[in-house]
Amino acid sequence: MGLKKFIFGEDKKSESNAESAEQAGADSSEGKFNEPCALCGAAGTEKKWAGQYWHKKCMRKSKKIAKGMI
């Protein structure tokens, strides 16, 4: 279960299928870990933070989202 799915629910997932598929192709060959990303769910993550694996791009997105919540 990704963080994006947890926050936005099932409805938003259909809109981001193209973005996830594009990112999955680019990140699956690269990355340190073979774990799914906490935000997008694609494999090939580069960072581990708070017990979850993240792409660098997804980590930046989540920080910007969190900044806007304050």
Protein backbone atom coordinates (compact mmCIF):
# COMPACT_ATOMS: atom_id res chain seq x y z
CA MET A 1 0.00 0.00 0.00
CA GLY A 2 1.52 3.26 -1.07
CA LEU A 3 1.31 6.53 0.76
CA LYS A 4 -0.44 8.17 -2.19
CA LYS A 5 -3.18 5.53 -2.10
CA PHE A 6 -3.56 6.03 1.65
CA ILE A 7 -3.93 9.82 1.37
CA PHE A 8 -5.99 10.15 -1.81
CA GLY A 9 -7.78 6.79 -1.95
CA GLU A 10 -8.61 4.57 -4.92
CA ASP A 11 -10.18 7.31 -7.11
CA LYS A 12 -6.97 9.19 -7.86
CA LYS A 13 -5.03 6.05 -8.75
CA SER A 14 -6.62 5.72 -12.21
CA GLU A 15 -5.46 9.22 -13.16
CA SER A 16 -1.85 8.52 -12.26
CA ASN A 17 -1.50 5.14 -14.03
CA ALA A 18 0.36 6.71 -16.96
CA GLU A 19 2.72 8.57 -14.62
CA SER A 20 3.37 5.44 -12.54
CA ALA A 21 4.01 3.31 -15.61
CA GLU A 22 6.46 5.86 -16.97
CA GLN A 23 8.28 6.13 -13.67
CA ALA A 24 8.33 2.35 -13.17
CA GLY A 25 10.14 1.84 -16.47
CA ALA A 26 12.78 4.42 -15.65
CA ASP A 27 13.36 3.43 -12.04
CA SER A 28 13.22 -0.36 -12.20
CA SER A 29 16.68 -0.64 -13.80
CA GLU A 30 18.18 1.96 -11.49
CA GLY A 31 18.18 2.20 -7.72
CA LYS A 32 19.76 0.51 -4.74
CA PHE A 33 16.75 -1.36 -3.41
CA ASN A 34 14.35 -3.73 -5.08
CA GLU A 35 11.42 -2.60 -2.90
CA PRO A 36 8.25 -0.70 -3.94
CA CYS A 37 8.14 3.05 -3.37
CA ALA A 38 5.95 4.34 -0.52
CA LEU A 39 4.40 7.02 -2.72
CA CYS A 40 4.01 5.60 -6.21
CA GLY A 41 4.47 1.86 -5.62
CA ALA A 42 7.04 1.33 -8.40
CA ALA A 43 10.19 -0.74 -7.78
CA GLY A 44 13.80 0.44 -7.95
CA THR A 45 13.98 2.80 -4.98
CA GLU A 46 17.05 4.81 -3.97
CA LYS A 47 16.38 5.92 -0.37
CA LYS A 48 15.15 4.33 2.83
CA TRP A 49 13.52 6.72 5.29
CA ALA A 50 11.22 6.04 8.26
CA GLY A 51 11.13 2.32 7.49
CA GLN A 52 9.89 2.90 3.94
CA TYR A 53 11.63 2.93 0.57
CA TRP A 54 11.40 6.00 -1.68
CA HIS A 55 12.49 7.27 -5.09
CA LYS A 56 14.38 10.55 -4.86
CA LYS A 57 11.71 12.22 -7.01
CA CYS A 58 8.87 10.91 -4.82
CA MET A 59 10.69 12.04 -1.66
CA ARG A 60 10.89 15.60 -3.02
CA LYS A 61 7.19 15.52 -3.98
CA SER A 62 6.11 14.34 -0.54
CA LYS A 63 8.21 17.01 1.19
CA LYS A 64 6.54 19.71 -0.94
CA ILE A 65 3.10 18.28 -0.15
CA ALA A 66 3.87 18.19 3.57
CA LYS A 67 5.19 21.75 3.46
CA GLY A 68 1.87 22.91 2.00
CA MET A 69 -0.07 21.27 4.83
CA ILE A 70 1.54 23.45 7.47
